[in-house]
Amino acid sequence: MVRLQLYKEGLFCGAQAIRGELEDLEIKSLPSVRTINRILNRNELTHRRTGRYRAKGTPYPKLLGCAVNEVQQADWIGPNYLMGGFRFYSLNAVDLATGRCGVQPSLAKDGQSVFNAFWAIWRRLGVPHNLQVDNAEEFYGSPKYPRGMGPLIRLCLNQGIELWFTPPAEPWRNGVVEKFNDHYRQKFLGKVNLAQEKELFKESLGFEDKHNSRYRYSKLKGRTPLQALEGLGEKPRFPYENQPPQHPLSKPTSGKYHLVRLIRSNGRLDMFGEMFEVPKRLIYEYVVGTVNVRRQKLELFHDGLKVEEYDYNLR
């Protein structure tokens, strides 16, 4: 009955989630997660995990995110359409430590819209220490100006956030938010019929609240994201101002941002289309190109150690 209720509400309904609901109902003599799994299997109420298997290989400089907002992953999803053809995008973000999500609809992805969407999420989710995104132009700027420091780079440096760009064509490196995007498509876009912009923003906040307060994750030991936040005993840092900055921001004079890249057979580091020669021993290895804004330097790291440095004039 508990599983059926979770299923009807569109929530996770695996063994961990069921166990958590039974605990909330103060049921005595609770079965173990393993026992619940056996019962589900016996009644054919489980689904085989799907998804592409990725073998372990070249070491990758992964951000772990063990503390609250130590690492957030973010991604745009869209264009999406409401009834009648109304088009919108959704900026989705996830805190790796707690699984809390932020969902913010936007009618566009221009510079000010980027500011507005991230600012709205940070007002609810908190400001991250590190933000990880892919290489979409709305995140880094324009390939014509690889050192131009696009709107998101300037916003992050302005707020003391270190921005990380994953390797091109490797979406699984942003796997937490990519998986959340699938969940968003199934549980929100696939089930909510909306016709007006006002309804969209209201229902998006409702979906965010439901996810953070009701969904239970095995990686959180059956807790909800908000319970995980409470358990860590850390308070998120929020923006000092209610309103986002106005675009464009001037170029920052301090801070760092990072590009993770796989060095291919040409032996070059690709910094948004601008190429830098690297030591040959780094071919087929992942490296981190760190732009040190104050020093006006591009620092090359491999396996946590700095191996090269280049002049990198941003002015």
C-alpha atoms as a PDB file:
ATOM      1  CA  MET A   1       0.000   0.000   0.000  1.00  0.00           C
ATOM      2  CA  VAL A   2       2.850   2.387   0.796  1.00  0.00           C
ATOM      3  CA  ARG A   3       4.515   1.632  -2.544  1.00  0.00           C
ATOM      4  CA  LEU A   4       1.248   2.188  -4.403  1.00  0.00           C
ATOM      5  CA  GLN A   5       0.721   5.539  -2.688  1.00  0.00           C
ATOM      6  CA  LEU A   6       4.247   6.677  -3.560  1.00  0.00           C
ATOM      7  CA  TYR A   7       3.741   5.523  -7.147  1.00  0.00           C
ATOM      8  CA  LYS A   8       0.444   7.409  -7.477  1.00  0.00           C
ATOM      9  CA  GLU A   9       2.090  10.599  -6.192  1.00  0.00           C
ATOM     10  CA  GLY A  10       4.858  10.277  -8.762  1.00  0.00           C
ATOM     11  CA  LEU A  11       7.527   9.774  -6.086  1.00  0.00           C
ATOM     12  CA  PHE A  12      10.371   7.261  -5.907  1.00  0.00           C
ATOM     13  CA  CYS A  13       8.909   3.936  -4.779  1.00  0.00           C
ATOM     14  CA  GLY A  14      11.919   1.661  -4.239  1.00  0.00           C
ATOM     15  CA  ALA A  15      12.873  -0.154  -1.055  1.00  0.00           C
ATOM     16  CA  GLN A  16      14.658   2.846   0.522  1.00  0.00           C
ATOM     17  CA  ALA A  17      11.697   5.132  -0.136  1.00  0.00           C
ATOM     18  CA  ILE A  18       9.221   2.593   1.264  1.00  0.00           C
ATOM     19  CA  ARG A  19      11.332   2.068   4.378  1.00  0.00           C
ATOM     20  CA  GLY A  20      11.474   5.833   4.929  1.00  0.00           C
ATOM     21  CA  GLU A  21       7.698   6.196   4.622  1.00  0.00           C
ATOM     22  CA  LEU A  22       7.163   3.352   7.110  1.00  0.00           C
ATOM     23  CA  GLU A  23       9.515   5.089   9.562  1.00  0.00           C
ATOM     24  CA  ASP A  24       7.498   8.316   9.205  1.00  0.00           C
ATOM     25  CA  LEU A  25       4.326   6.325   9.956  1.00  0.00           C
ATOM     26  CA  GLU A  26       6.018   5.054  13.162  1.00  0.00           C
ATOM     27  CA  ILE A  27       5.443   1.420  12.177  1.00  0.00           C
ATOM     28  CA  LYS A  28       6.961  -0.961  14.709  1.00  0.00           C
ATOM     29  CA  SER A  29       9.157  -3.950  13.767  1.00  0.00           C
ATOM     30  CA  LEU A  30      10.137  -2.503  10.402  1.00  0.00           C
ATOM     31  CA  PRO A  31      11.445  -4.917   7.750  1.00  0.00           C
ATOM     32  CA  SER A  32      14.975  -4.280   6.469  1.00  0.00           C
ATOM     33  CA  VAL A  33      15.610  -2.714   3.074  1.00  0.00           C
ATOM     34  CA  ARG A  34      16.818  -6.106   1.892  1.00  0.00           C
ATOM     35  CA  THR A  35      13.542  -7.755   2.990  1.00  0.00           C
ATOM     36  CA  ILE A  36      11.500  -5.051   1.259  1.00  0.00           C
ATOM     37  CA  ASN A  37      13.510  -5.649  -1.915  1.00  0.00           C
ATOM     38  CA  ARG A  38      12.748  -9.389  -1.739  1.00  0.00           C
ATOM     39  CA  ILE A  39       9.030  -8.637  -1.368  1.00  0.00           C
ATOM     40  CA  LEU A  40       9.121  -6.269  -4.339  1.00  0.00           C
ATOM     41  CA  ASN A  41      10.979  -8.837  -6.454  1.00  0.00           C
ATOM     42  CA  ARG A  42       8.547 -11.593  -5.489  1.00  0.00           C
ATOM     43  CA  ASN A  43       5.644  -9.440  -6.637  1.00  0.00           C
ATOM     44  CA  GLU A  44       7.430  -8.233  -9.794  1.00  0.00           C
ATOM     45  CA  LEU A  45       7.356  -4.624  -8.639  1.00  0.00           C
ATOM     46  CA  THR A  46      10.924  -3.710  -9.542  1.00  0.00           C
ATOM     47  CA  HIS A  47      12.457  -2.351 -12.711  1.00  0.00           C
ATOM     48  CA  ARG A  48      15.927  -3.176 -13.960  1.00  0.00           C
ATOM     49  CA  ARG A  49      18.270  -0.207 -13.831  1.00  0.00           C
ATOM     50  CA  THR A  50      18.956   1.149 -17.329  1.00  0.00           C
ATOM     51  CA  GLY A  51      21.534   3.481 -18.788  1.00  0.00           C
ATOM     52  CA  ARG A  52      24.773   3.317 -20.649  1.00  0.00           C
ATOM     53  CA  TYR A  53      27.625   1.640 -18.798  1.00  0.00           C
ATOM     54  CA  ARG A  54      30.842   3.614 -18.747  1.00  0.00           C
ATOM     55  CA  ALA A  55      34.001   1.638 -18.035  1.00  0.00           C
ATOM     56  CA  LYS A  56      36.691   3.041 -15.803  1.00  0.00           C
ATOM     57  CA  GLY A  57      39.673   4.362 -17.703  1.00  0.00           C
ATOM     58  CA  THR A  58      41.766   7.522 -17.754  1.00  0.00           C
ATOM     59  CA  PRO A  59      41.652   9.229 -14.326  1.00  0.00           C
ATOM     60  CA  TYR A  60      39.233  12.145 -14.315  1.00  0.00           C
ATOM     61  CA  PRO A  61      39.466  15.237 -12.022  1.00  0.00           C
ATOM     62  CA  LYS A  62      36.022  14.772 -10.498  1.00  0.00           C
ATOM     63  CA  LEU A  63      34.501  17.232  -8.032  1.00  0.00           C
ATOM     64  CA  LEU A  64      33.063  15.284  -5.087  1.00  0.00           C
ATOM     65  CA  GLY A  65      30.827  17.766  -3.277  1.00  0.00           C
ATOM     66  CA  CYS A  66      30.734  16.363   0.272  1.00  0.00           C
ATOM     67  CA  ALA A  67      29.679  19.594   2.040  1.00  0.00           C
ATOM     68  CA  VAL A  68      26.518  21.654   1.510  1.00  0.00           C
ATOM     69  CA  ASN A  69      26.810  23.579  -1.780  1.00  0.00           C
ATOM     70  CA  GLU A  70      30.456  22.624  -2.135  1.00  0.00           C
ATOM     71  CA  VAL A  71      29.509  21.655  -5.692  1.00  0.00           C
ATOM     72  CA  GLN A  72      26.378  22.377  -7.685  1.00  0.00           C
ATOM     73  CA  GLN A  73      25.768  21.074 -11.198  1.00  0.00           C
ATOM     74  CA  ALA A  74      23.538  23.118 -13.511  1.00  0.00           C
ATOM     75  CA  ASP A  75      22.098  22.766 -16.995  1.00  0.00           C
ATOM     76  CA  TRP A  76      19.517  24.335 -19.281  1.00  0.00           C
ATOM     77  CA  ILE A  77      16.757  22.115 -20.611  1.00  0.00           C
ATOM     78  CA  GLY A  78      14.670  23.167 -23.577  1.00  0.00           C
ATOM     79  CA  PRO A  79      13.185  24.673 -25.529  1.00  0.00           C
ATOM     80  CA  ASN A  80      10.013  23.287 -23.943  1.00  0.00           C
ATOM     81  CA  TYR A  81       6.477  24.192 -24.947  1.00  0.00           C
ATOM     82  CA  LEU A  82       3.266  24.884 -23.078  1.00  0.00           C
ATOM     83  CA  MET A  83      -0.197  24.339 -24.507  1.00  0.00           C
ATOM     84  CA  GLY A  84      -0.672  26.671 -27.444  1.00  0.00           C
ATOM     85  CA  GLY A  85       3.025  26.649 -28.382  1.00  0.00           C
ATOM     86  CA  PHE A  86       4.319  28.954 -25.608  1.00  0.00           C
ATOM     87  CA  ARG A  87       8.106  28.372 -25.493  1.00  0.00           C
ATOM     88  CA  PHE A  88      10.300  28.369 -22.403  1.00  0.00           C
ATOM     89  CA  TYR A  89      13.537  26.973 -20.977  1.00  0.00           C
ATOM     90  CA  SER A  90      14.279  25.624 -17.514  1.00  0.00           C
ATOM     91  CA  LEU A  91      17.508  26.122 -15.619  1.00  0.00           C
ATOM     92  CA  ASN A  92      17.971  23.107 -13.350  1.00  0.00           C
ATOM     93  CA  ALA A  93      20.591  22.890 -10.597  1.00  0.00           C
ATOM     94  CA  VAL A  94      21.432  20.201  -8.030  1.00  0.00           C
ATOM     95  CA  ASP A  95      23.551  20.356  -4.870  1.00  0.00           C
ATOM     96  CA  LEU A  96      25.694  17.205  -4.907  1.00  0.00           C
ATOM     97  CA  ALA A  97      25.930  16.798  -1.127  1.00  0.00           C
ATOM     98  CA  THR A  98      22.208  16.925  -0.325  1.00  0.00           C
ATOM     99  CA  GLY A  99      20.469  16.236  -3.646  1.00  0.00           C
ATOM    100  CA  ARG A 100      18.431  19.443  -3.290  1.00  0.00           C
ATOM    101  CA  CYS A 101      17.318  20.840  -6.618  1.00  0.00           C
ATOM    102  CA  GLY A 102      16.543  24.285  -7.964  1.00  0.00           C
ATOM    103  CA  VAL A 103      14.191  24.656 -10.949  1.00  0.00           C
ATOM    104  CA  GLN A 104      13.768  28.040 -12.623  1.00  0.00           C
ATOM    105  CA  PRO A 105      11.796  28.637 -15.846  1.00  0.00           C
ATOM    106  CA  SER A 106      13.050  31.320 -18.223  1.00  0.00           C
ATOM    107  CA  LEU A 107      11.666  32.696 -21.448  1.00  0.00           C
ATOM    108  CA  ALA A 108      15.147  33.278 -22.888  1.00  0.00           C
ATOM    109  CA  LYS A 109      18.837  32.506 -22.328  1.00  0.00           C
ATOM    110  CA  ASP A 110      20.395  35.929 -22.936  1.00  0.00           C
ATOM    111  CA  GLY A 111      22.815  37.476 -20.445  1.00  0.00           C
ATOM    112  CA  GLN A 112      20.240  39.053 -18.140  1.00  0.00           C
ATOM    113  CA  SER A 113      18.095  35.905 -18.237  1.00  0.00           C
ATOM    114  CA  VAL A 114      21.135  33.881 -17.131  1.00  0.00           C
ATOM    115  CA  PHE A 115      21.641  36.289 -14.226  1.00  0.00           C
ATOM    116  CA  ASN A 116      17.954  36.185 -13.278  1.00  0.00           C
ATOM    117  CA  ALA A 117      17.637  32.393 -13.391  1.00  0.00           C
ATOM    118  CA  PHE A 118      20.781  31.578 -11.398  1.00  0.00           C
ATOM    119  CA  TRP A 119      20.035  34.327  -8.883  1.00  0.00           C
ATOM    120  CA  ALA A 120      16.519  32.997  -8.269  1.00  0.00           C
ATOM    121  CA  ILE A 121      17.877  29.476  -7.695  1.00  0.00           C
ATOM    122  CA  TRP A 122      20.647  30.690  -5.378  1.00  0.00           C
ATOM    123  CA  ARG A 123      18.092  32.632  -3.348  1.00  0.00           C
ATOM    124  CA  ARG A 124      16.420  29.288  -2.567  1.00  0.00           C
ATOM    125  CA  LEU A 125      19.236  26.742  -2.826  1.00  0.00           C
ATOM    126  CA  GLY A 126      22.173  28.840  -1.638  1.00  0.00           C
ATOM    127  CA  VAL A 127      25.319  30.022  -3.399  1.00  0.00           C
ATOM    128  CA  PRO A 128      27.770  27.234  -4.341  1.00  0.00           C
ATOM    129  CA  HIS A 129      31.517  27.230  -3.808  1.00  0.00           C
ATOM    130  CA  ASN A 130      31.936  25.459  -7.159  1.00  0.00           C
ATOM    131  CA  LEU A 131      29.489  25.421 -10.069  1.00  0.00           C
ATOM    132  CA  GLN A 132      29.851  22.799 -12.807  1.00  0.00           C
ATOM    133  CA  VAL A 133      28.309  23.271 -16.266  1.00  0.00           C
ATOM    134  CA  ASP A 134      28.790  22.108 -19.851  1.00  0.00           C
ATOM    135  CA  ASN A 135      30.186  24.166 -22.735  1.00  0.00           C
ATOM    136  CA  ALA A 136      26.983  25.806 -23.968  1.00  0.00           C
ATOM    137  CA  GLU A 137      27.630  29.330 -25.273  1.00  0.00           C
ATOM    138  CA  GLU A 138      25.125  30.807 -22.825  1.00  0.00           C
ATOM    139  CA  PHE A 139      27.458  29.569 -20.074  1.00  0.00           C
ATOM    140  CA  TYR A 140      30.882  30.649 -21.375  1.00  0.00           C
ATOM    141  CA  GLY A 141      30.214  33.397 -23.913  1.00  0.00           C
ATOM    142  CA  SER A 142      31.206  33.341 -27.587  1.00  0.00           C
ATOM    143  CA  PRO A 143      33.805  31.270 -29.513  1.00  0.00           C
ATOM    144  CA  LYS A 144      34.760  34.502 -31.306  1.00  0.00           C
ATOM    145  CA  TYR A 145      36.020  35.888 -27.986  1.00  0.00           C
ATOM    146  CA  PRO A 146      37.428  32.959 -25.978  1.00  0.00           C
ATOM    147  CA  ARG A 147      38.836  35.341 -23.368  1.00  0.00           C
ATOM    148  CA  GLY A 148      35.744  37.518 -23.280  1.00  0.00           C
ATOM    149  CA  MET A 149      34.475  36.030 -19.992  1.00  0.00           C
ATOM    150  CA  GLY A 150      30.790  35.535 -20.757  1.00  0.00           C
ATOM    151  CA  PRO A 151      27.919  36.519 -18.447  1.00  0.00           C
ATOM    152  CA  LEU A 152      28.000  33.396 -16.242  1.00  0.00           C
ATOM    153  CA  ILE A 153      31.783  33.552 -15.781  1.00  0.00           C
ATOM    154  CA  ARG A 154      31.515  37.190 -14.693  1.00  0.00           C
ATOM    155  CA  LEU A 155      28.556  36.491 -12.412  1.00  0.00           C
ATOM    156  CA  CYS A 156      30.333  33.591 -10.690  1.00  0.00           C
ATOM    157  CA  LEU A 157      33.613  35.445 -10.189  1.00  0.00           C
ATOM    158  CA  ASN A 158      31.633  38.427  -8.897  1.00  0.00           C
ATOM    159  CA  GLN A 159      30.097  36.144  -6.237  1.00  0.00           C
ATOM    160  CA  GLY A 160      33.282  34.270  -5.307  1.00  0.00           C
ATOM    161  CA  ILE A 161      32.220  31.083  -7.138  1.00  0.00           C
ATOM    162  CA  GLU A 162      34.684  28.917  -9.076  1.00  0.00           C
ATOM    163  CA  LEU A 163      33.107  27.844 -12.350  1.00  0.00           C
ATOM    164  CA  TRP A 164      34.018  24.462 -13.898  1.00  0.00           C
ATOM    165  CA  PHE A 165      33.406  23.486 -17.529  1.00  0.00           C
ATOM    166  CA  THR A 166      33.216  19.769 -18.305  1.00  0.00           C
ATOM    167  CA  PRO A 167      34.870  18.305 -21.435  1.00  0.00           C
ATOM    168  CA  PRO A 168      32.917  18.836 -24.686  1.00  0.00           C
ATOM    169  CA  ALA A 169      30.696  15.948 -25.820  1.00  0.00           C
ATOM    170  CA  GLU A 170      30.888  14.218 -22.419  1.00  0.00           C
ATOM    171  CA  PRO A 171      27.476  14.933 -20.820  1.00  0.00           C
ATOM    172  CA  TRP A 172      27.902  12.140 -18.255  1.00  0.00           C
ATOM    173  CA  ARG A 173      30.523  14.294 -16.501  1.00  0.00           C
ATOM    174  CA  ASN A 174      27.574  16.411 -15.383  1.00  0.00           C
ATOM    175  CA  GLY A 175      25.695  13.212 -14.614  1.00  0.00           C
ATOM    176  CA  VAL A 176      23.818  14.269 -11.487  1.00  0.00           C
ATOM    177  CA  VAL A 177      21.956  17.135 -13.134  1.00  0.00           C
ATOM    178  CA  GLU A 178      21.590  15.167 -16.396  1.00  0.00           C
ATOM    179  CA  LYS A 179      19.820  12.412 -14.458  1.00  0.00           C
ATOM    180  CA  PHE A 180      17.692  15.019 -12.714  1.00  0.00           C
ATOM    181  CA  ASN A 181      16.771  16.452 -16.133  1.00  0.00           C
ATOM    182  CA  ASP A 182      15.356  13.043 -17.101  1.00  0.00           C
ATOM    183  CA  HIS A 183      13.368  13.031 -13.880  1.00  0.00           C
ATOM    184  CA  TYR A 184      12.139  16.576 -14.645  1.00  0.00           C
ATOM    185  CA  ARG A 185      11.003  15.538 -18.133  1.00  0.00           C
ATOM    186  CA  GLN A 186       9.105  12.500 -16.842  1.00  0.00           C
ATOM    187  CA  LYS A 187       7.595  13.877 -13.651  1.00  0.00           C
ATOM    188  CA  PHE A 188       6.989  17.499 -14.644  1.00  0.00           C
ATOM    189  CA  LEU A 189       6.963  18.096 -18.396  1.00  0.00           C
ATOM    190  CA  GLY A 190       5.323  14.727 -19.036  1.00  0.00           C
ATOM    191  CA  LYS A 191       2.527  15.171 -16.499  1.00  0.00           C
ATOM    192  CA  VAL A 192       1.722  18.865 -16.150  1.00  0.00           C
ATOM    193  CA  ASN A 193      -0.450  20.579 -18.756  1.00  0.00           C
ATOM    194  CA  LEU A 194       0.034  24.322 -18.550  1.00  0.00           C
ATOM    195  CA  ALA A 195      -1.193  27.132 -20.741  1.00  0.00           C
ATOM    196  CA  GLN A 196       0.062  30.320 -19.045  1.00  0.00           C
ATOM    197  CA  GLU A 197       3.404  31.709 -17.921  1.00  0.00           C
ATOM    198  CA  LYS A 198       2.110  32.387 -14.392  1.00  0.00           C
ATOM    199  CA  GLU A 199       1.072  28.740 -13.984  1.00  0.00           C
ATOM    200  CA  LEU A 200       4.485  27.592 -15.217  1.00  0.00           C
ATOM    201  CA  PHE A 201       6.406  29.451 -12.503  1.00  0.00           C
ATOM    202  CA  LYS A 202       3.977  28.337  -9.785  1.00  0.00           C
ATOM    203  CA  GLU A 203       4.025  24.671 -10.789  1.00  0.00           C
ATOM    204  CA  SER A 204       7.817  24.659 -11.199  1.00  0.00           C
ATOM    205  CA  LEU A 205       8.236  25.854  -7.612  1.00  0.00           C
ATOM    206  CA  GLY A 206       5.763  23.194  -6.504  1.00  0.00           C
ATOM    207  CA  PHE A 207       7.753  20.492  -8.285  1.00  0.00           C
ATOM    208  CA  GLU A 208      10.988  21.754  -6.703  1.00  0.00           C
ATOM    209  CA  ASP A 209       9.438  21.725  -3.227  1.00  0.00           C
ATOM    210  CA  LYS A 210       7.992  18.238  -3.722  1.00  0.00           C
ATOM    211  CA  HIS A 211      11.329  16.869  -4.876  1.00  0.00           C
ATOM    212  CA  ASN A 212      13.279  18.388  -1.993  1.00  0.00           C
ATOM    213  CA  SER A 213      10.795  17.458   0.726  1.00  0.00           C
ATOM    214  CA  ARG A 214       9.376  14.113  -0.443  1.00  0.00           C
ATOM    215  CA  TYR A 215      11.791  12.234  -2.705  1.00  0.00           C
ATOM    216  CA  ARG A 216      14.016   9.719  -0.933  1.00  0.00           C
ATOM    217  CA  TYR A 217      17.382   8.663  -2.346  1.00  0.00           C
ATOM    218  CA  SER A 218      19.390   5.542  -1.587  1.00  0.00           C
ATOM    219  CA  LYS A 219      22.587   7.627  -1.817  1.00  0.00           C
ATOM    220  CA  LEU A 220      21.142   9.699   1.058  1.00  0.00           C
ATOM    221  CA  LYS A 221      20.364   6.507   3.024  1.00  0.00           C
ATOM    222  CA  GLY A 222      16.650   6.824   2.376  1.00  0.00           C
ATOM    223  CA  ARG A 223      16.408  10.463   3.432  1.00  0.00           C
ATOM    224  CA  THR A 224      14.905  13.338   1.496  1.00  0.00           C
ATOM    225  CA  PRO A 225      17.193  16.167   0.291  1.00  0.00           C
ATOM    226  CA  LEU A 226      15.913  18.494   3.028  1.00  0.00           C
ATOM    227  CA  GLN A 227      16.513  15.806   5.663  1.00  0.00           C
ATOM    228  CA  ALA A 228      20.041  15.390   4.298  1.00  0.00           C
ATOM    229  CA  LEU A 229      20.584  19.141   4.615  1.00  0.00           C
ATOM    230  CA  GLU A 230      19.381  19.073   8.215  1.00  0.00           C
ATOM    231  CA  GLY A 231      21.586  16.064   8.976  1.00  0.00           C
ATOM    232  CA  LEU A 232      24.729  17.815   7.749  1.00  0.00           C
ATOM    233  CA  GLY A 233      24.082  20.710  10.117  1.00  0.00           C
ATOM    234  CA  GLU A 234      25.467  23.315   7.708  1.00  0.00           C
ATOM    235  CA  LYS A 235      23.748  26.531   6.699  1.00  0.00           C
ATOM    236  CA  PRO A 236      23.863  27.528   3.012  1.00  0.00           C
ATOM    237  CA  ARG A 237      25.254  30.923   2.025  1.00  0.00           C
ATOM    238  CA  PHE A 238      22.700  33.085   0.224  1.00  0.00           C
ATOM    239  CA  PRO A 239      23.121  36.161  -2.017  1.00  0.00           C
ATOM    240  CA  TYR A 240      23.358  39.425  -0.123  1.00  0.00           C
ATOM    241  CA  GLU A 241      20.984  41.221  -2.483  1.00  0.00           C
ATOM    242  CA  ASN A 242      17.415  40.295  -3.367  1.00  0.00           C
ATOM    243  CA  GLN A 243      17.726  41.418  -6.970  1.00  0.00           C
ATOM    244  CA  PRO A 244      20.290  40.019  -9.432  1.00  0.00           C
ATOM    245  CA  PRO A 245      23.052  42.244 -10.856  1.00  0.00           C
ATOM    246  CA  GLN A 246      22.389  44.007 -14.119  1.00  0.00           C
ATOM    247  CA  HIS A 247      23.974  42.680 -17.287  1.00  0.00           C
ATOM    248  CA  PRO A 248      26.630  43.373 -18.433  1.00  0.00           C
ATOM    249  CA  LEU A 249      29.016  43.181 -15.495  1.00  0.00           C
ATOM    250  CA  SER A 250      32.518  44.554 -15.927  1.00  0.00           C
ATOM    251  CA  LYS A 251      35.351  42.063 -16.179  1.00  0.00           C
ATOM    252  CA  PRO A 252      36.375  40.799 -12.725  1.00  0.00           C
ATOM    253  CA  THR A 253      39.931  41.387 -11.544  1.00  0.00           C
ATOM    254  CA  SER A 254      40.283  38.302  -9.348  1.00  0.00           C
ATOM    255  CA  GLY A 255      39.081  34.726  -9.005  1.00  0.00           C
ATOM    256  CA  LYS A 256      39.510  31.520 -11.000  1.00  0.00           C
ATOM    257  CA  TYR A 257      37.555  29.425 -13.482  1.00  0.00           C
ATOM    258  CA  HIS A 258      38.439  26.007 -14.840  1.00  0.00           C
ATOM    259  CA  LEU A 259      38.131  23.957 -18.039  1.00  0.00           C
ATOM    260  CA  VAL A 260      38.507  20.173 -17.827  1.00  0.00           C
ATOM    261  CA  ARG A 261      39.800  18.812 -21.109  1.00  0.00           C
ATOM    262  CA  LEU A 262      40.999  15.545 -22.629  1.00  0.00           C
ATOM    263  CA  ILE A 263      44.254  16.121 -24.504  1.00  0.00           C
ATOM    264  CA  ARG A 264      43.993  14.397 -27.856  1.00  0.00           C
ATOM    265  CA  SER A 265      46.651  13.267 -30.343  1.00  0.00           C
ATOM    266  CA  ASN A 266      47.393  16.838 -31.485  1.00  0.00           C
ATOM    267  CA  GLY A 267      48.824  17.584 -28.023  1.00  0.00           C
ATOM    268  CA  ARG A 268      46.771  20.764 -27.591  1.00  0.00           C
ATOM    269  CA  LEU A 269      44.605  22.213 -24.863  1.00  0.00           C
ATOM    270  CA  ASP A 270      41.353  23.667 -26.247  1.00  0.00           C
ATOM    271  CA  MET A 271      40.281  26.775 -24.300  1.00  0.00           C
ATOM    272  CA  PHE A 272      36.966  27.626 -25.989  1.00  0.00           C
ATOM    273  CA  GLY A 273      38.580  27.291 -29.416  1.00  0.00           C
ATOM    274  CA  GLU A 274      41.949  28.836 -28.546  1.00  0.00           C
ATOM    275  CA  MET A 275      44.730  26.219 -28.625  1.00  0.00           C
ATOM    276  CA  PHE A 276      47.749  25.829 -26.346  1.00  0.00           C
ATOM    277  CA  GLU A 277      50.588  23.325 -26.787  1.00  0.00           C
ATOM    278  CA  VAL A 278      51.004  20.971 -23.801  1.00  0.00           C
ATOM    279  CA  PRO A 279      53.707  18.430 -22.891  1.00  0.00           C
ATOM    280  CA  LYS A 280      53.436  15.317 -25.071  1.00  0.00           C
ATOM    281  CA  ARG A 281      53.194  13.042 -22.040  1.00  0.00           C
ATOM    282  CA  LEU A 282      49.711  14.473 -21.391  1.00  0.00           C
ATOM    283  CA  ILE A 283      48.252  13.120 -24.641  1.00  0.00           C
ATOM    284  CA  TYR A 284      45.096  11.100 -23.883  1.00  0.00           C
ATOM    285  CA  GLU A 285      45.064  12.398 -20.307  1.00  0.00           C
ATOM    286  CA  TYR A 286      42.514  14.681 -18.633  1.00  0.00           C
ATOM    287  CA  VAL A 287      43.890  18.031 -17.525  1.00  0.00           C
ATOM    288  CA  VAL A 288      42.483  21.152 -15.897  1.00  0.00           C
ATOM    289  CA  GLY A 289      43.124  24.528 -17.484  1.00  0.00           C
ATOM    290  CA  THR A 290      42.699  27.098 -14.702  1.00  0.00           C
ATOM    291  CA  VAL A 291      42.386  30.770 -15.597  1.00  0.00           C
ATOM    292  CA  ASN A 292      43.863  32.825 -12.760  1.00  0.00           C
ATOM    293  CA  VAL A 293      42.275  36.218 -13.329  1.00  0.00           C
ATOM    294  CA  ARG A 294      44.383  38.198 -10.867  1.00  0.00           C
ATOM    295  CA  ARG A 295      47.680  36.833 -12.227  1.00  0.00           C
ATOM    296  CA  GLN A 296      46.473  36.895 -15.871  1.00  0.00           C
ATOM    297  CA  LYS A 297      47.798  33.359 -16.250  1.00  0.00           C
ATOM    298  CA  LEU A 298      46.531  30.053 -17.612  1.00  0.00           C
ATOM    299  CA  GLU A 299      47.675  27.305 -15.232  1.00  0.00           C
ATOM    300  CA  LEU A 300      47.733  23.703 -16.432  1.00  0.00           C
ATOM    301  CA  PHE A 301      47.096  20.960 -13.861  1.00  0.00           C
ATOM    302  CA  HIS A 302      47.353  17.185 -14.192  1.00  0.00           C
ATOM    303  CA  ASP A 303      46.522  14.818 -11.364  1.00  0.00           C
ATOM    304  CA  GLY A 304      46.365  17.780  -8.974  1.00  0.00           C
ATOM    305  CA  LEU A 305      49.854  19.080  -9.828  1.00  0.00           C
ATOM    306  CA  LYS A 306      50.658  22.203 -11.846  1.00  0.00           C
ATOM    307  CA  VAL A 307      52.705  21.173 -14.887  1.00  0.00           C
ATOM    308  CA  GLU A 308      52.704  24.298 -17.082  1.00  0.00           C
ATOM    309  CA  GLU A 309      51.814  27.991 -17.096  1.00  0.00           C
ATOM    310  CA  TYR A 310      50.972  30.400 -19.919  1.00  0.00           C
ATOM    311  CA  ASP A 311      50.439  34.145 -20.183  1.00  0.00           C
ATOM    312  CA  TYR A 312      46.710  34.797 -20.509  1.00  0.00           C
ATOM    313  CA  ASN A 313      45.812  38.447 -20.947  1.00  0.00           C
ATOM    314  CA  LEU A 314      42.108  39.047 -20.188  1.00  0.00           C
ATOM    315  CA  ARG A 315      42.106  42.833 -20.429  1.00  0.00           C
END
